Structures are given as structure tokens and as C-alpha cells.
Amino acid sequence: MPTLVLRHWEGVALLAVERHRGGERRYGAAYMRRVAMILMGMEARLGLRELSQMLASLARCHIRT
């Protein structure tokens, strides 16, 4: 996955990344699950707005993303 894509998704609030001291990004299991869900949504031809709504709905239902 190109980092440019990940940065874009962070910029539109689809992803949130933890940072270490010095601003270094830290990618955990939850981040990778969310990337996988975004990719599946894109494969299903969902747009960024629909993906954002889907992920928000899952979070409200306490489903791990």
C-alpha cells in the first residue's frame, strides 16, 4: 500500500494513526484491520463518504474496526 494513500485516508479521517515520540507513525493491529475494511469497501465500490459512514456505524455498534 503506497504511503501516499494511507496519508490521504488519514487526511480525510478514515484512519487515525498513533505516533511515537518524534512524530514517527505506529501501525497496530486495529489500524491494519481498518485498512483491510477500507480496501474491502473500495472493492465493493463504496466512496469515501460511504466508507466513513460505514466505519462510524460499526464503531457506534462497538464492532472492532
C-alpha atoms as a PDB file:
ATOM      1  CA  MET A   1       0.000   0.000   0.000  1.00  0.00           C
ATOM      2  CA  PRO A   2       1.584   3.308  -1.023  1.00  0.00           C
ATOM      3  CA  THR A   3       2.100   5.620   1.942  1.00  0.00           C
ATOM      4  CA  LEU A   4       0.532   8.425  -0.090  1.00  0.00           C
ATOM      5  CA  VAL A   5      -2.791   6.541   0.021  1.00  0.00           C
ATOM      6  CA  LEU A   6      -2.542   5.981   3.781  1.00  0.00           C
ATOM      7  CA  ARG A   7      -1.766   9.685   4.342  1.00  0.00           C
ATOM      8  CA  HIS A   8      -4.776  10.619   2.203  1.00  0.00           C
ATOM      9  CA  TRP A   9      -7.061   8.354   4.233  1.00  0.00           C
ATOM     10  CA  GLU A  10      -5.646   9.894   7.415  1.00  0.00           C
ATOM     11  CA  GLY A  11      -6.331  13.338   5.951  1.00  0.00           C
ATOM     12  CA  VAL A  12      -9.990  12.551   5.278  1.00  0.00           C
ATOM     13  CA  ALA A  13     -10.344  10.936   8.731  1.00  0.00           C
ATOM     14  CA  LEU A  14     -10.801   7.335   7.576  1.00  0.00           C
ATOM     15  CA  LEU A  15      -7.701   6.383   9.534  1.00  0.00           C
ATOM     16  CA  ALA A  16      -6.161   7.642  12.741  1.00  0.00           C
ATOM     17  CA  VAL A  17      -2.580   6.728  13.488  1.00  0.00           C
ATOM     18  CA  GLU A  18      -0.761   6.608  16.803  1.00  0.00           C
ATOM     19  CA  ARG A  19       2.534   8.416  16.949  1.00  0.00           C
ATOM     20  CA  HIS A  20       5.735   7.731  18.823  1.00  0.00           C
ATOM     21  CA  ARG A  21       7.994  10.381  20.214  1.00  0.00           C
ATOM     22  CA  GLY A  22       9.398  12.411  17.377  1.00  0.00           C
ATOM     23  CA  GLY A  23       6.222  12.043  15.304  1.00  0.00           C
ATOM     24  CA  GLU A  24       7.036   8.549  13.995  1.00  0.00           C
ATOM     25  CA  ARG A  25       3.876   6.694  12.973  1.00  0.00           C
ATOM     26  CA  ARG A  26       2.946   3.474  14.744  1.00  0.00           C
ATOM     27  CA  TYR A  27       0.744   0.971  12.923  1.00  0.00           C
ATOM     28  CA  GLY A  28      -1.027  -1.520  15.179  1.00  0.00           C
ATOM     29  CA  ALA A  29      -3.449  -4.359  14.582  1.00  0.00           C
ATOM     30  CA  ALA A  30      -6.502  -2.062  14.798  1.00  0.00           C
ATOM     31  CA  TYR A  31      -5.017   0.190  12.109  1.00  0.00           C
ATOM     32  CA  MET A  32      -4.389  -2.769   9.831  1.00  0.00           C
ATOM     33  CA  ARG A  33      -7.950  -4.099  10.371  1.00  0.00           C
ATOM     34  CA  ARG A  34      -9.313  -0.704   9.413  1.00  0.00           C
ATOM     35  CA  VAL A  35      -7.142  -0.591   6.269  1.00  0.00           C
ATOM     36  CA  ALA A  36      -8.481  -4.042   5.321  1.00  0.00           C
ATOM     37  CA  MET A  37     -12.077  -2.867   5.847  1.00  0.00           C
ATOM     38  CA  ILE A  38     -11.476   0.227   3.714  1.00  0.00           C
ATOM     39  CA  LEU A  39      -9.994  -1.906   0.939  1.00  0.00           C
ATOM     40  CA  MET A  40     -12.972  -4.279   1.049  1.00  0.00           C
ATOM     41  CA  GLY A  41     -15.345  -1.314   0.899  1.00  0.00           C
ATOM     42  CA  MET A  42     -13.490   0.123  -2.063  1.00  0.00           C
ATOM     43  CA  GLU A  43     -13.643  -3.249  -3.788  1.00  0.00           C
ATOM     44  CA  ALA A  44     -17.420  -3.089  -3.264  1.00  0.00           C
ATOM     45  CA  ARG A  45     -17.234   0.319  -4.998  1.00  0.00           C
ATOM     46  CA  LEU A  46     -18.073   2.427  -1.939  1.00  0.00           C
ATOM     47  CA  GLY A  47     -16.918   6.024  -1.998  1.00  0.00           C
ATOM     48  CA  LEU A  48     -15.003   7.742   0.798  1.00  0.00           C
ATOM     49  CA  ARG A  49     -18.192   9.216   2.280  1.00  0.00           C
ATOM     50  CA  GLU A  50     -19.899   5.810   2.363  1.00  0.00           C
ATOM     51  CA  LEU A  51     -16.801   4.209   3.859  1.00  0.00           C
ATOM     52  CA  SER A  52     -16.673   6.860   6.551  1.00  0.00           C
ATOM     53  CA  GLN A  53     -20.349   6.315   7.391  1.00  0.00           C
ATOM     54  CA  MET A  54     -19.912   2.540   7.462  1.00  0.00           C
ATOM     55  CA  LEU A  55     -16.912   2.712   9.793  1.00  0.00           C
ATOM     56  CA  ALA A  56     -18.707   5.186  12.072  1.00  0.00           C
ATOM     57  CA  SER A  57     -21.746   2.877  12.235  1.00  0.00           C
ATOM     58  CA  LEU A  58     -19.572  -0.080  13.152  1.00  0.00           C
ATOM     59  CA  ALA A  59     -17.886   1.948  15.898  1.00  0.00           C
ATOM     60  CA  ARG A  60     -21.281   3.004  17.310  1.00  0.00           C
ATOM     61  CA  CYS A  61     -22.271  -0.676  17.449  1.00  0.00           C
ATOM     62  CA  HIS A  62     -18.993  -1.423  19.268  1.00  0.00           C
ATOM     63  CA  ILE A  63     -17.746  -3.600  16.411  1.00  0.00           C
ATOM     64  CA  ARG A  64     -13.948  -3.610  16.224  1.00  0.00           C
ATOM     65  CA  THR A  65     -12.644  -1.788  13.201  1.00  0.00           C
END
